[in-house]
Amino acid sequence: MIELCFHATGWTAIGTWVLVLGTLIAVFIQKSQNRLINSANYIMQFHNRFESRHFINRRQKLTQKILDKEKEILDEILVFFETLGCLTKHRVLTKEMVWNDFAWEIVRYYQALRRFNGIDYIDWFRKTNKDKTLYSEFEWLYEEIIKFDRKRRDVGLEFVVPNEQEIQKFLEKETKIKIE
């Protein structure tokens, strides 16, 4: 009789632990799926903002200033990518979703702002504001997107980082975006 109670109690304890473990697994799966859904929603919001009339106007002005080699530029586009970088670094956004929707622009804007026509706008902002951390999340995002892109497409750096002519074409195209 005592042996039967021990077995029943033991089975109840095991069943309880299995139920707890199953619940924890279900919560983890639900949390992961919610994270992906939230990331997708945020990416769509960022995409809509990037393609908005206001933002296209800002992109046109920025790219024209870069092409004209103007020293001072507005930083709204940099702030946009800085925010994307921060949210990606803290895993609010997935790298894959950011790569899928913004890799082309991240890489080209970063290159245009760092190395095009001999002007480093990011360095200029950092020196002007005496803050070496300015746009460090954008810089981090650029580096992560380069790594992700190379791994995803299994290509070398020369296929991922645009040359001067490609940046020139990108900037010219950005200045001519049609606003609908």
N, C-alpha and C. Protein backbone atom coordinates (compact mmCIF):
# COMPACT_ATOMS: atom_id res chain seq x y z
N MET A 1 0.82 -1.19 0.00
CA MET A 1 0.00 0.00 0.00
C MET A 1 0.87 1.25 0.00
N ILE A 2 1.89 1.31 0.85
CA ILE A 2 2.79 2.45 0.90
C ILE A 2 3.52 2.57 -0.43
N GLU A 3 3.91 1.46 -0.99
CA GLU A 3 4.61 1.46 -2.27
C GLU A 3 3.72 2.05 -3.36
N LEU A 4 2.43 1.76 -3.36
CA LEU A 4 1.49 2.28 -4.35
C LEU A 4 1.34 3.79 -4.21
N CYS A 5 1.29 4.33 -2.99
CA CYS A 5 1.19 5.77 -2.77
C CYS A 5 2.44 6.47 -3.25
N PHE A 6 3.60 5.87 -2.98
CA PHE A 6 4.85 6.47 -3.42
C PHE A 6 4.88 6.58 -4.93
N HIS A 7 4.45 5.54 -5.58
CA HIS A 7 4.43 5.57 -7.04
C HIS A 7 3.45 6.63 -7.55
N ALA A 8 2.30 6.73 -6.92
CA ALA A 8 1.31 7.72 -7.36
C ALA A 8 1.83 9.13 -7.12
N THR A 9 2.45 9.35 -5.98
CA THR A 9 3.02 10.66 -5.68
C THR A 9 4.16 10.98 -6.64
N GLY A 10 4.98 10.01 -6.90
CA GLY A 10 6.10 10.18 -7.83
C GLY A 10 5.62 10.53 -9.22
N TRP A 11 4.61 9.80 -9.67
CA TRP A 11 4.06 10.09 -11.00
C TRP A 11 3.41 11.47 -11.07
N THR A 12 2.78 11.87 -10.01
CA THR A 12 2.17 13.20 -9.96
C THR A 12 3.25 14.27 -10.05
N ALA A 13 4.33 14.08 -9.31
CA ALA A 13 5.44 15.04 -9.34
C ALA A 13 6.05 15.11 -10.74
N ILE A 14 6.27 13.97 -11.35
CA ILE A 14 6.84 13.93 -12.71
C ILE A 14 5.88 14.62 -13.69
N GLY A 15 4.59 14.31 -13.56
CA GLY A 15 3.59 14.94 -14.44
C GLY A 15 3.58 16.46 -14.28
N THR A 16 3.70 16.92 -13.06
CA THR A 16 3.73 18.37 -12.79
C THR A 16 4.94 19.01 -13.45
N TRP A 17 6.10 18.38 -13.31
CA TRP A 17 7.32 18.93 -13.94
C TRP A 17 7.22 18.93 -15.47
N VAL A 18 6.64 17.91 -16.02
CA VAL A 18 6.45 17.85 -17.48
C VAL A 18 5.52 18.99 -17.91
N LEU A 19 4.46 19.22 -17.16
CA LEU A 19 3.53 20.31 -17.46
C LEU A 19 4.23 21.67 -17.37
N VAL A 20 5.04 21.87 -16.34
CA VAL A 20 5.78 23.12 -16.18
C VAL A 20 6.75 23.31 -17.34
N LEU A 21 7.48 22.27 -17.68
CA LEU A 21 8.43 22.35 -18.79
C LEU A 21 7.71 22.64 -20.11
N GLY A 22 6.60 21.97 -20.34
CA GLY A 22 5.81 22.21 -21.55
C GLY A 22 5.31 23.64 -21.63
N THR A 23 4.86 24.16 -20.49
CA THR A 23 4.38 25.54 -20.44
C THR A 23 5.52 26.52 -20.74
N LEU A 24 6.68 26.27 -20.16
CA LEU A 24 7.84 27.14 -20.41
C LEU A 24 8.23 27.12 -21.89
N ILE A 25 8.21 25.96 -22.50
CA ILE A 25 8.53 25.86 -23.93
C ILE A 25 7.50 26.62 -24.76
N ALA A 26 6.23 26.48 -24.43
CA ALA A 26 5.18 27.19 -25.16
C ALA A 26 5.33 28.70 -25.01
N VAL A 27 5.65 29.17 -23.82
CA VAL A 27 5.85 30.60 -23.58
C VAL A 27 7.05 31.10 -24.38
N PHE A 28 8.14 30.32 -24.40
CA PHE A 28 9.33 30.71 -25.16
C PHE A 28 9.01 30.80 -26.66
N ILE A 29 8.29 29.84 -27.20
CA ILE A 29 7.91 29.86 -28.62
C ILE A 29 7.03 31.07 -28.91
N GLN A 30 6.06 31.32 -28.04
CA GLN A 30 5.16 32.46 -28.23
C GLN A 30 5.94 33.78 -28.16
N LYS A 31 6.87 33.87 -27.24
CA LYS A 31 7.69 35.08 -27.12
C LYS A 31 8.52 35.29 -28.39
N SER A 32 9.10 34.24 -28.90
CA SER A 32 9.90 34.35 -30.13
C SER A 32 9.05 34.79 -31.31
N GLN A 33 7.85 34.22 -31.42
CA GLN A 33 6.97 34.60 -32.52
C GLN A 33 6.49 36.04 -32.37
N ASN A 34 6.19 36.47 -31.15
CA ASN A 34 5.79 37.86 -30.91
C ASN A 34 6.93 38.81 -31.27
N ARG A 35 8.17 38.42 -30.94
CA ARG A 35 9.33 39.24 -31.28
C ARG A 35 9.44 39.41 -32.79
N LEU A 36 9.24 38.34 -33.54
CA LEU A 36 9.30 38.42 -35.00
C LEU A 36 8.18 39.29 -35.56
N ILE A 37 7.00 39.13 -35.02
CA ILE A 37 5.86 39.94 -35.48
C ILE A 37 6.10 41.41 -35.19
N ASN A 38 6.59 41.72 -33.97
CA ASN A 38 6.89 43.10 -33.62
C ASN A 38 7.99 43.67 -34.51
N SER A 39 9.02 42.87 -34.77
CA SER A 39 10.10 43.31 -35.64
C SER A 39 9.57 43.61 -37.04
N ALA A 40 8.72 42.75 -37.55
CA ALA A 40 8.14 42.97 -38.88
C ALA A 40 7.30 44.24 -38.90
N ASN A 41 6.52 44.47 -37.86
CA ASN A 41 5.71 45.68 -37.79
C ASN A 41 6.58 46.94 -37.74
N TYR A 42 7.64 46.89 -36.94
CA TYR A 42 8.55 48.03 -36.87
C TYR A 42 9.25 48.27 -38.21
N ILE A 43 9.66 47.21 -38.86
CA ILE A 43 10.32 47.35 -40.17
C ILE A 43 9.37 48.01 -41.16
N MET A 44 8.11 47.61 -41.15
CA MET A 44 7.14 48.22 -42.06
C MET A 44 6.96 49.71 -41.74
N GLN A 45 6.96 50.06 -40.46
CA GLN A 45 6.85 51.47 -40.08
C GLN A 45 8.08 52.25 -40.55
N PHE A 46 9.27 51.66 -40.37
CA PHE A 46 10.48 52.31 -40.84
C PHE A 46 10.48 52.44 -42.36
N HIS A 47 10.03 51.40 -43.04
CA HIS A 47 9.95 51.44 -44.50
C HIS A 47 9.02 52.55 -44.96
N ASN A 48 7.84 52.63 -44.35
CA ASN A 48 6.88 53.68 -44.71
C ASN A 48 7.44 55.07 -44.43
N ARG A 49 8.14 55.21 -43.35
CA ARG A 49 8.76 56.50 -43.04
C ARG A 49 9.83 56.84 -44.07
N PHE A 50 10.67 55.87 -44.41
CA PHE A 50 11.76 56.08 -45.36
C PHE A 50 11.22 56.46 -46.74
N GLU A 51 10.05 55.93 -47.10
CA GLU A 51 9.46 56.20 -48.41
C GLU A 51 8.42 57.32 -48.37
N SER A 52 8.28 57.98 -47.23
CA SER A 52 7.30 59.08 -47.13
C SER A 52 7.76 60.29 -47.93
N ARG A 53 6.81 61.13 -48.25
CA ARG A 53 7.09 62.37 -49.00
C ARG A 53 8.16 63.21 -48.29
N HIS A 54 7.98 63.39 -46.99
CA HIS A 54 8.93 64.18 -46.20
C HIS A 54 10.34 63.60 -46.28
N PHE A 55 10.42 62.28 -46.08
CA PHE A 55 11.73 61.65 -46.03
C PHE A 55 12.39 61.61 -47.40
N ILE A 56 11.61 61.39 -48.45
CA ILE A 56 12.18 61.42 -49.80
C ILE A 56 12.75 62.80 -50.08
N ASN A 57 12.04 63.83 -49.65
CA ASN A 57 12.54 65.19 -49.81
C ASN A 57 13.87 65.36 -49.09
N ARG A 58 13.97 64.84 -47.88
CA ARG A 58 15.22 64.92 -47.10
C ARG A 58 16.34 64.13 -47.76
N ARG A 59 16.01 62.96 -48.28
CA ARG A 59 17.00 62.14 -48.98
C ARG A 59 17.53 62.88 -50.21
N GLN A 60 16.63 63.51 -50.94
CA GLN A 60 17.04 64.26 -52.13
C GLN A 60 17.99 65.40 -51.76
N LYS A 61 17.63 66.13 -50.72
CA LYS A 61 18.47 67.26 -50.30
C LYS A 61 19.83 66.78 -49.83
N LEU A 62 19.85 65.71 -49.03
CA LEU A 62 21.12 65.18 -48.53
C LEU A 62 22.01 64.72 -49.68
N THR A 63 21.46 63.93 -50.59
CA THR A 63 22.29 63.40 -51.67
C THR A 63 22.78 64.51 -52.59
N GLN A 64 21.97 65.53 -52.78
CA GLN A 64 22.42 66.65 -53.62
C GLN A 64 23.57 67.40 -52.94
N LYS A 65 23.47 67.58 -51.64
CA LYS A 65 24.55 68.25 -50.91
C LYS A 65 25.84 67.44 -50.96
N ILE A 66 25.72 66.12 -50.88
CA ILE A 66 26.91 65.26 -50.97
C ILE A 66 27.51 65.39 -52.37
N LEU A 67 26.67 65.33 -53.39
CA LEU A 67 27.16 65.47 -54.77
C LEU A 67 27.81 66.83 -55.01
N ASP A 68 27.27 67.86 -54.38
CA ASP A 68 27.81 69.22 -54.53
C ASP A 68 29.01 69.47 -53.61
N LYS A 69 29.38 68.48 -52.86
CA LYS A 69 30.51 68.56 -51.92
C LYS A 69 30.33 69.65 -50.87
N GLU A 70 29.09 69.89 -50.47
CA GLU A 70 28.84 70.86 -49.41
C GLU A 70 29.31 70.28 -48.09
N LYS A 71 29.91 71.11 -47.31
CA LYS A 71 30.49 70.64 -46.05
C LYS A 71 29.42 70.32 -45.01
N GLU A 72 28.45 71.20 -44.88
CA GLU A 72 27.43 71.01 -43.85
C GLU A 72 26.18 70.38 -44.44
N ILE A 73 25.72 69.34 -43.78
CA ILE A 73 24.52 68.63 -44.23
C ILE A 73 23.57 68.44 -43.06
N LEU A 74 22.32 68.17 -43.36
CA LEU A 74 21.34 67.82 -42.34
C LEU A 74 21.56 66.36 -41.96
N ASP A 75 21.28 66.04 -40.72
CA ASP A 75 21.60 64.69 -40.25
C ASP A 75 20.38 63.78 -40.06
N GLU A 76 19.23 64.14 -40.61
CA GLU A 76 18.02 63.35 -40.39
C GLU A 76 18.16 61.91 -40.89
N ILE A 77 18.81 61.73 -42.01
CA ILE A 77 19.00 60.38 -42.56
C ILE A 77 19.95 59.59 -41.66
N LEU A 78 20.99 60.25 -41.18
CA LEU A 78 21.92 59.58 -40.27
C LEU A 78 21.21 59.15 -38.99
N VAL A 79 20.35 60.01 -38.47
CA VAL A 79 19.60 59.68 -37.25
C VAL A 79 18.68 58.49 -37.51
N PHE A 80 18.07 58.45 -38.69
CA PHE A 80 17.22 57.32 -39.06
C PHE A 80 18.01 56.01 -38.98
N PHE A 81 19.19 55.99 -39.62
CA PHE A 81 20.01 54.78 -39.60
C PHE A 81 20.60 54.50 -38.22
N GLU A 82 20.85 55.55 -37.46
CA GLU A 82 21.32 55.38 -36.09
C GLU A 82 20.25 54.65 -35.25
N THR A 83 19.00 55.05 -35.43
CA THR A 83 17.90 54.40 -34.72
C THR A 83 17.75 52.95 -35.15
N LEU A 84 17.82 52.71 -36.47
CA LEU A 84 17.77 51.32 -36.96
C LEU A 84 18.88 50.49 -36.33
N GLY A 85 20.07 51.07 -36.26
CA GLY A 85 21.22 50.36 -35.68
C GLY A 85 21.01 50.05 -34.21
N CYS A 86 20.54 51.02 -33.47
CA CYS A 86 20.32 50.83 -32.04
C CYS A 86 19.28 49.73 -31.79
N LEU A 87 18.19 49.79 -32.52
CA LEU A 87 17.12 48.79 -32.34
C LEU A 87 17.57 47.40 -32.80
N THR A 88 18.42 47.35 -33.80
CA THR A 88 18.93 46.06 -34.26
C THR A 88 19.93 45.50 -33.26
N LYS A 89 20.80 46.36 -32.76
CA LYS A 89 21.80 45.93 -31.78
C LYS A 89 21.15 45.36 -30.53
N HIS A 90 20.02 45.94 -30.14
CA HIS A 90 19.32 45.48 -28.94
C HIS A 90 18.24 44.45 -29.26
N ARG A 91 18.30 43.92 -30.45
CA ARG A 91 17.46 42.80 -30.92
C ARG A 91 15.97 43.10 -30.91
N VAL A 92 15.61 44.37 -31.04
CA VAL A 92 14.21 44.73 -31.25
C VAL A 92 13.86 44.42 -32.69
N LEU A 93 14.81 44.68 -33.58
CA LEU A 93 14.67 44.35 -35.00
C LEU A 93 15.63 43.21 -35.31
N THR A 94 15.23 42.33 -36.22
CA THR A 94 16.15 41.25 -36.60
C THR A 94 17.07 41.75 -37.71
N LYS A 95 18.32 41.28 -37.69
CA LYS A 95 19.28 41.66 -38.73
C LYS A 95 18.77 41.27 -40.11
N GLU A 96 18.16 40.11 -40.19
CA GLU A 96 17.68 39.65 -41.49
C GLU A 96 16.62 40.59 -42.06
N MET A 97 15.70 41.05 -41.24
CA MET A 97 14.66 41.96 -41.72
C MET A 97 15.25 43.31 -42.12
N VAL A 98 16.18 43.80 -41.33
CA VAL A 98 16.84 45.07 -41.66
C VAL A 98 17.64 44.90 -42.95
N TRP A 99 18.37 43.82 -43.06
CA TRP A 99 19.14 43.53 -44.27
C TRP A 99 18.21 43.46 -45.49
N ASN A 100 17.11 42.75 -45.34
CA ASN A 100 16.19 42.55 -46.45
C ASN A 100 15.59 43.86 -46.95
N ASP A 101 15.29 44.77 -46.04
CA ASP A 101 14.60 45.99 -46.43
C ASP A 101 15.52 47.20 -46.64
N PHE A 102 16.67 47.23 -45.96
CA PHE A 102 17.48 48.44 -45.98
C PHE A 102 18.96 48.25 -46.32
N ALA A 103 19.41 47.04 -46.59
CA ALA A 103 20.85 46.83 -46.81
C ALA A 103 21.41 47.72 -47.91
N TRP A 104 20.73 47.81 -49.02
CA TRP A 104 21.19 48.61 -50.15
C TRP A 104 21.45 50.05 -49.71
N GLU A 105 20.47 50.64 -49.02
CA GLU A 105 20.58 52.03 -48.61
C GLU A 105 21.60 52.22 -47.49
N ILE A 106 21.62 51.30 -46.52
CA ILE A 106 22.57 51.41 -45.41
C ILE A 106 24.00 51.46 -45.94
N VAL A 107 24.33 50.51 -46.79
CA VAL A 107 25.70 50.41 -47.31
C VAL A 107 26.04 51.63 -48.15
N ARG A 108 25.16 52.04 -49.03
CA ARG A 108 25.46 53.16 -49.93
C ARG A 108 25.48 54.51 -49.21
N TYR A 109 24.54 54.73 -48.31
CA TYR A 109 24.58 55.98 -47.56
C TYR A 109 25.82 56.04 -46.68
N TYR A 110 26.12 54.94 -46.03
CA TYR A 110 27.31 54.94 -45.17
C TYR A 110 28.56 55.26 -45.98
N GLN A 111 28.72 54.59 -47.09
CA GLN A 111 29.89 54.84 -47.93
C GLN A 111 29.91 56.28 -48.43
N ALA A 112 28.75 56.79 -48.84
CA ALA A 112 28.67 58.18 -49.32
C ALA A 112 29.02 59.17 -48.22
N LEU A 113 28.63 58.86 -47.00
CA LEU A 113 28.87 59.77 -45.89
C LEU A 113 30.27 59.64 -45.30
N ARG A 114 30.94 58.54 -45.58
CA ARG A 114 32.28 58.33 -45.01
C ARG A 114 33.41 58.53 -46.01
N ARG A 115 33.19 58.16 -47.26
CA ARG A 115 34.34 58.08 -48.16
C ARG A 115 34.14 58.67 -49.54
N PHE A 116 33.03 59.30 -49.79
CA PHE A 116 32.77 59.79 -51.15
C PHE A 116 33.32 61.20 -51.33
N ASN A 117 33.98 61.44 -52.44
CA ASN A 117 34.54 62.76 -52.79
C ASN A 117 35.50 63.30 -51.73
N GLY A 118 36.11 62.42 -50.96
CA GLY A 118 37.11 62.85 -49.99
C GLY A 118 36.56 63.53 -48.75
N ILE A 119 35.25 63.50 -48.55
CA ILE A 119 34.65 64.14 -47.37
C ILE A 119 34.08 63.07 -46.46
N ASP A 120 34.44 63.13 -45.18
CA ASP A 120 33.91 62.21 -44.18
C ASP A 120 32.93 62.99 -43.30
N TYR A 121 31.65 62.92 -43.66
CA TYR A 121 30.63 63.70 -42.94
C TYR A 121 30.44 63.22 -41.51
N ILE A 122 30.54 61.93 -41.30
CA ILE A 122 30.37 61.40 -39.94
C ILE A 122 31.49 61.92 -39.05
N ASP A 123 32.70 61.87 -39.55
CA ASP A 123 33.84 62.40 -38.80
C ASP A 123 33.65 63.90 -38.55
N TRP A 124 33.14 64.62 -39.54
CA TRP A 124 32.89 66.06 -39.39
C TRP A 124 31.88 66.31 -38.27
N PHE A 125 30.78 65.54 -38.24
CA PHE A 125 29.78 65.69 -37.17
C PHE A 125 30.41 65.40 -35.81
N ARG A 126 31.23 64.35 -35.76
CA ARG A 126 31.87 63.99 -34.48
C ARG A 126 32.79 65.09 -33.98
N LYS A 127 33.60 65.64 -34.89
CA LYS A 127 34.52 66.71 -34.48
C LYS A 127 33.78 67.98 -34.13
N THR A 128 32.80 68.35 -34.94
CA THR A 128 32.03 69.57 -34.70
C THR A 128 31.32 69.52 -33.36
N ASN A 129 30.78 68.36 -33.02
CA ASN A 129 30.02 68.21 -31.78
C ASN A 129 30.87 67.69 -30.61
N LYS A 130 32.15 67.47 -30.87
CA LYS A 130 33.07 66.96 -29.85
C LYS A 130 32.50 65.70 -29.18
N ASP A 131 32.03 64.80 -30.04
CA ASP A 131 31.42 63.55 -29.55
C ASP A 131 31.80 62.42 -30.50
N LYS A 132 32.77 61.62 -30.10
CA LYS A 132 33.25 60.54 -30.96
C LYS A 132 32.27 59.37 -31.07
N THR A 133 31.20 59.42 -30.29
CA THR A 133 30.21 58.34 -30.35
C THR A 133 29.06 58.61 -31.32
N LEU A 134 29.01 59.83 -31.87
CA LEU A 134 27.91 60.16 -32.78
C LEU A 134 27.86 59.15 -33.94
N TYR A 135 26.70 58.65 -34.18
CA TYR A 135 26.41 57.71 -35.28
C TYR A 135 27.19 56.41 -35.17
N SER A 136 27.57 56.05 -33.95
CA SER A 136 28.27 54.78 -33.74
C SER A 136 27.34 53.58 -33.96
N GLU A 137 26.05 53.76 -33.73
CA GLU A 137 25.10 52.66 -33.97
C GLU A 137 24.90 52.47 -35.48
N PHE A 138 24.92 53.55 -36.24
CA PHE A 138 24.87 53.47 -37.70
C PHE A 138 26.12 52.76 -38.22
N GLU A 139 27.27 53.11 -37.66
CA GLU A 139 28.52 52.47 -38.03
C GLU A 139 28.48 50.97 -37.72
N TRP A 140 27.98 50.63 -36.52
CA TRP A 140 27.85 49.23 -36.12
C TRP A 140 26.92 48.50 -37.09
N LEU A 141 25.79 49.14 -37.41
CA LEU A 141 24.81 48.53 -38.32
C LEU A 141 25.43 48.27 -39.68
N TYR A 142 26.16 49.23 -40.20
CA TYR A 142 26.84 49.07 -41.49
C TYR A 142 27.75 47.83 -41.46
N GLU A 143 28.57 47.73 -40.43
CA GLU A 143 29.51 46.60 -40.33
C GLU A 143 28.76 45.27 -40.22
N GLU A 144 27.68 45.25 -39.44
CA GLU A 144 26.89 44.02 -39.30
C GLU A 144 26.20 43.64 -40.61
N ILE A 145 25.68 44.63 -41.32
CA ILE A 145 25.01 44.36 -42.59
C ILE A 145 26.02 43.84 -43.61
N ILE A 146 27.22 44.39 -43.63
CA ILE A 146 28.28 43.90 -44.52
C ILE A 146 28.57 42.43 -44.21
N LYS A 147 28.76 42.11 -42.93
CA LYS A 147 29.04 40.71 -42.54
C LYS A 147 27.87 39.80 -42.92
N PHE A 148 26.66 40.24 -42.62
CA PHE A 148 25.47 39.43 -42.89
C PHE A 148 25.33 39.20 -44.40
N ASP A 149 25.51 40.26 -45.18
CA ASP A 149 25.37 40.18 -46.63
C ASP A 149 26.41 39.24 -47.23
N ARG A 150 27.64 39.36 -46.80
CA ARG A 150 28.70 38.48 -47.32
C ARG A 150 28.39 37.02 -47.01
N LYS A 151 27.97 36.77 -45.78
CA LYS A 151 27.66 35.39 -45.38
C LYS A 151 26.44 34.88 -46.12
N ARG A 152 25.41 35.70 -46.20
CA ARG A 152 24.14 35.28 -46.82
C ARG A 152 24.32 34.96 -48.30
N ARG A 153 25.07 35.82 -49.00
CA ARG A 153 25.26 35.62 -50.44
C ARG A 153 26.53 34.86 -50.78
N ASP A 154 27.35 34.58 -49.76
CA ASP A 154 28.61 33.88 -49.93
C ASP A 154 29.48 34.56 -51.00
N VAL A 155 29.74 35.86 -50.76
CA VAL A 155 30.54 36.65 -51.70
C VAL A 155 31.62 37.41 -50.94
N GLY A 156 32.58 37.93 -51.67
CA GLY A 156 33.65 38.72 -51.10
C GLY A 156 33.23 40.16 -50.87
N LEU A 157 34.07 40.87 -50.17
CA LEU A 157 33.82 42.27 -49.83
C LEU A 157 33.63 43.13 -51.07
N GLU A 158 34.34 42.82 -52.14
CA GLU A 158 34.24 43.62 -53.37
C GLU A 158 32.85 43.57 -54.00
N PHE A 159 32.05 42.56 -53.67
CA PHE A 159 30.69 42.45 -54.18
C PHE A 159 29.67 43.15 -53.29
N VAL A 160 30.09 43.48 -52.09
CA VAL A 160 29.17 44.06 -51.11
C VAL A 160 29.36 45.57 -50.95
N VAL A 161 30.61 46.01 -50.97
CA VAL A 161 30.91 47.43 -50.79
C VAL A 161 31.00 48.09 -52.17
N PRO A 162 30.16 49.10 -52.40
CA PRO A 162 30.16 49.75 -53.72
C PRO A 162 31.40 50.62 -53.95
N ASN A 163 31.78 50.73 -55.22
CA ASN A 163 32.91 51.60 -55.57
C ASN A 163 32.39 53.03 -55.79
N GLU A 164 33.30 53.95 -56.09
CA GLU A 164 32.94 55.37 -56.26
C GLU A 164 31.86 55.58 -57.32
N GLN A 165 32.00 54.89 -58.45
CA GLN A 165 31.02 55.05 -59.53
C GLN A 165 29.63 54.56 -59.11
N GLU A 166 29.59 53.47 -58.39
CA GLU A 166 28.30 52.96 -57.91
C GLU A 166 27.66 53.91 -56.90
N ILE A 167 28.49 54.50 -56.06
CA ILE A 167 27.96 55.48 -55.09
C ILE A 167 27.45 56.71 -55.84
N GLN A 168 28.21 57.15 -56.83
CA GLN A 168 27.80 58.30 -57.64
C GLN A 168 26.43 58.04 -58.28
N LYS A 169 26.25 56.88 -58.88
CA LYS A 169 24.97 56.54 -59.52
C LYS A 169 23.85 56.48 -58.49
N PHE A 170 24.14 55.90 -57.34
CA PHE A 170 23.14 55.82 -56.26
C PHE A 170 22.71 57.22 -55.84
N LEU A 171 23.67 58.09 -55.59
CA LEU A 171 23.35 59.45 -55.16
C LEU A 171 22.55 60.20 -56.21
N GLU A 172 22.94 60.06 -57.45
CA GLU A 172 22.20 60.72 -58.54
C GLU A 172 20.77 60.20 -58.63
N LYS A 173 20.61 58.91 -58.46
CA LYS A 173 19.27 58.31 -58.50
C LYS A 173 18.42 58.80 -57.33
N GLU A 174 19.03 58.92 -56.16
CA GLU A 174 18.30 59.40 -54.97
C GLU A 174 17.82 60.84 -55.16
N THR A 175 18.59 61.65 -55.86
CA THR A 175 18.17 63.05 -56.06
C THR A 175 16.98 63.16 -56.99
N LYS A 176 16.69 62.09 -57.74
CA LYS A 176 15.63 62.14 -58.75
C LYS A 176 14.42 61.26 -58.40
N ILE A 177 14.33 60.83 -57.18
CA ILE A 177 13.20 59.99 -56.77
C ILE A 177 11.90 60.77 -56.99
N LYS A 178 10.93 60.11 -57.57
CA LYS A 178 9.61 60.73 -57.78
C LYS A 178 8.82 60.64 -56.49
N ILE A 179 8.25 61.75 -56.09
CA ILE A 179 7.39 61.78 -54.90
C ILE A 179 5.96 61.63 -55.37
N GLU A 180 5.32 60.59 -54.86
CA GLU A 180 3.93 60.32 -55.27
C GLU A 180 2.94 60.86 -54.28
